[in-house]
């Protein structure tokens, strides 16, 4: 093995690490956004985001929509 083999192995390992860390970040993103926005269903949104891993991103997209869906003010205890 020469230096180019080691460079290729290092490049492959770094690519795998970037893909894993990037995937972790994207799957965790809806849950973190829900917590930041103080959404009452933050735990469910986090789980829905992680279920996107199994459903090829379908539940991840649903979680992103759920995060930005306006909340009903009547459930917050305000009266009109």
C-alpha atoms as a PDB file:
ATOM      1  CA  UNK A   1       0.000   0.000   0.000  1.00  0.00           C
ATOM      2  CA  UNK A   2       1.273   3.395  -0.902  1.00  0.00           C
ATOM      3  CA  UNK A   3       0.317   6.895   0.188  1.00  0.00           C
ATOM      4  CA  UNK A   4      -2.512   7.163  -2.346  1.00  0.00           C
ATOM      5  CA  UNK A   5      -4.288   4.176  -0.801  1.00  0.00           C
ATOM      6  CA  UNK A   6      -4.176   5.840   2.594  1.00  0.00           C
ATOM      7  CA  UNK A   7      -5.456   9.106   1.122  1.00  0.00           C
ATOM      8  CA  UNK A   8      -8.339   7.244  -0.555  1.00  0.00           C
ATOM      9  CA  UNK A   9      -9.250   5.425   2.667  1.00  0.00           C
ATOM     10  CA  UNK A  10      -9.100   8.689   4.612  1.00  0.00           C
ATOM     11  CA  UNK A  11     -11.327  10.402   2.014  1.00  0.00           C
ATOM     12  CA  UNK A  12     -13.869   7.568   2.204  1.00  0.00           C
ATOM     13  CA  UNK A  13     -13.943   7.669   5.998  1.00  0.00           C
ATOM     14  CA  UNK A  14     -14.354  11.446   6.035  1.00  0.00           C
ATOM     15  CA  UNK A  15     -17.182  11.223   3.480  1.00  0.00           C
ATOM     16  CA  UNK A  16     -18.951   8.597   5.581  1.00  0.00           C
ATOM     17  CA  UNK A  17     -18.555  10.758   8.697  1.00  0.00           C
ATOM     18  CA  UNK A  18     -19.967  13.833   6.941  1.00  0.00           C
ATOM     19  CA  UNK A  19     -22.953  11.834   5.652  1.00  0.00           C
ATOM     20  CA  UNK A  20     -23.674  10.399   9.114  1.00  0.00           C
ATOM     21  CA  UNK A  21     -23.372  13.727  10.920  1.00  0.00           C
ATOM     22  CA  UNK A  22     -25.399  15.522   8.247  1.00  0.00           C
ATOM     23  CA  UNK A  23     -28.106  12.870   8.388  1.00  0.00           C
ATOM     24  CA  UNK A  24     -28.241  13.095  12.174  1.00  0.00           C
ATOM     25  CA  UNK A  25     -28.580  16.875  11.947  1.00  0.00           C
ATOM     26  CA  UNK A  26     -31.396  16.695   9.381  1.00  0.00           C
ATOM     27  CA  UNK A  27     -33.343  14.017  11.256  1.00  0.00           C
ATOM     28  CA  UNK A  28     -33.079  15.968  14.506  1.00  0.00           C
ATOM     29  CA  UNK A  29     -33.963  19.320  12.907  1.00  0.00           C
ATOM     30  CA  UNK A  30     -37.798  19.225  13.225  1.00  0.00           C
ATOM     31  CA  UNK A  31     -37.601  18.307  16.919  1.00  0.00           C
ATOM     32  CA  UNK A  32     -35.116  21.052  17.703  1.00  0.00           C
ATOM     33  CA  UNK A  33     -37.217  23.605  15.844  1.00  0.00           C
ATOM     34  CA  UNK A  34     -40.332  22.501  17.731  1.00  0.00           C
ATOM     35  CA  UNK A  35     -38.574  22.872  21.080  1.00  0.00           C
ATOM     36  CA  UNK A  36     -37.257  26.297  20.102  1.00  0.00           C
ATOM     37  CA  UNK A  37     -40.756  27.408  19.120  1.00  0.00           C
ATOM     38  CA  UNK A  38     -42.149  25.907  22.381  1.00  0.00           C
ATOM     39  CA  UNK A  39     -44.539  23.686  20.454  1.00  0.00           C
ATOM     40  CA  UNK A  40     -46.803  21.607  22.745  1.00  0.00           C
ATOM     41  CA  UNK A  41     -46.177  18.476  20.638  1.00  0.00           C
ATOM     42  CA  UNK A  42     -42.389  18.786  20.418  1.00  0.00           C
ATOM     43  CA  UNK A  43     -41.723  15.175  21.439  1.00  0.00           C
ATOM     44  CA  UNK A  44     -44.131  13.822  18.838  1.00  0.00           C
ATOM     45  CA  UNK A  45     -42.578  16.041  16.176  1.00  0.00           C
ATOM     46  CA  UNK A  46     -39.114  14.803  17.124  1.00  0.00           C
ATOM     47  CA  UNK A  47     -40.226  11.176  16.797  1.00  0.00           C
ATOM     48  CA  UNK A  48     -41.959  11.946  13.501  1.00  0.00           C
ATOM     49  CA  UNK A  49     -38.721  13.444  12.201  1.00  0.00           C
ATOM     50  CA  UNK A  50     -36.787  10.311  13.138  1.00  0.00           C
ATOM     51  CA  UNK A  51     -39.456   8.108  11.531  1.00  0.00           C
ATOM     52  CA  UNK A  52     -38.469   9.804   8.294  1.00  0.00           C
ATOM     53  CA  UNK A  53     -35.443   7.523   8.315  1.00  0.00           C
ATOM     54  CA  UNK A  54     -37.717   4.483   7.925  1.00  0.00           C
ATOM     55  CA  UNK A  55     -40.258   6.069   5.564  1.00  0.00           C
ATOM     56  CA  UNK A  56     -37.781   7.605   3.100  1.00  0.00           C
ATOM     57  CA  UNK A  57     -38.433  11.141   4.339  1.00  0.00           C
ATOM     58  CA  UNK A  58     -42.236  11.110   4.269  1.00  0.00           C
ATOM     59  CA  UNK A  59     -42.685  11.577   8.021  1.00  0.00           C
ATOM     60  CA  UNK A  60     -39.762  14.025   8.114  1.00  0.00           C
ATOM     61  CA  UNK A  61     -41.615  16.293   5.680  1.00  0.00           C
ATOM     62  CA  UNK A  62     -44.777  15.906   7.750  1.00  0.00           C
ATOM     63  CA  UNK A  63     -42.849  16.905  10.874  1.00  0.00           C
ATOM     64  CA  UNK A  64     -41.526  20.029   9.156  1.00  0.00           C
ATOM     65  CA  UNK A  65     -45.052  21.043   8.175  1.00  0.00           C
ATOM     66  CA  UNK A  66     -46.275  20.291  11.708  1.00  0.00           C
ATOM     67  CA  UNK A  67     -43.616  22.553  13.232  1.00  0.00           C
ATOM     68  CA  UNK A  68     -44.745  25.571  11.227  1.00  0.00           C
ATOM     69  CA  UNK A  69     -48.488  24.923  11.476  1.00  0.00           C
ATOM     70  CA  UNK A  70     -50.157  27.749  13.393  1.00  0.00           C
ATOM     71  CA  UNK A  71     -51.431  26.705  16.796  1.00  0.00           C
ATOM     72  CA  UNK A  72     -55.064  27.168  17.785  1.00  0.00           C
ATOM     73  CA  UNK A  73     -55.244  30.092  20.234  1.00  0.00           C
ATOM     74  CA  UNK A  74     -58.312  28.681  22.008  1.00  0.00           C
ATOM     75  CA  UNK A  75     -56.198  25.847  23.409  1.00  0.00           C
ATOM     76  CA  UNK A  76     -53.762  28.294  24.974  1.00  0.00           C
ATOM     77  CA  UNK A  77     -56.335  29.535  27.460  1.00  0.00           C
ATOM     78  CA  UNK A  78     -57.017  32.921  25.877  1.00  0.00           C
ATOM     79  CA  UNK A  79     -60.557  34.194  25.567  1.00  0.00           C
ATOM     80  CA  UNK A  80     -62.000  36.427  22.903  1.00  0.00           C
END
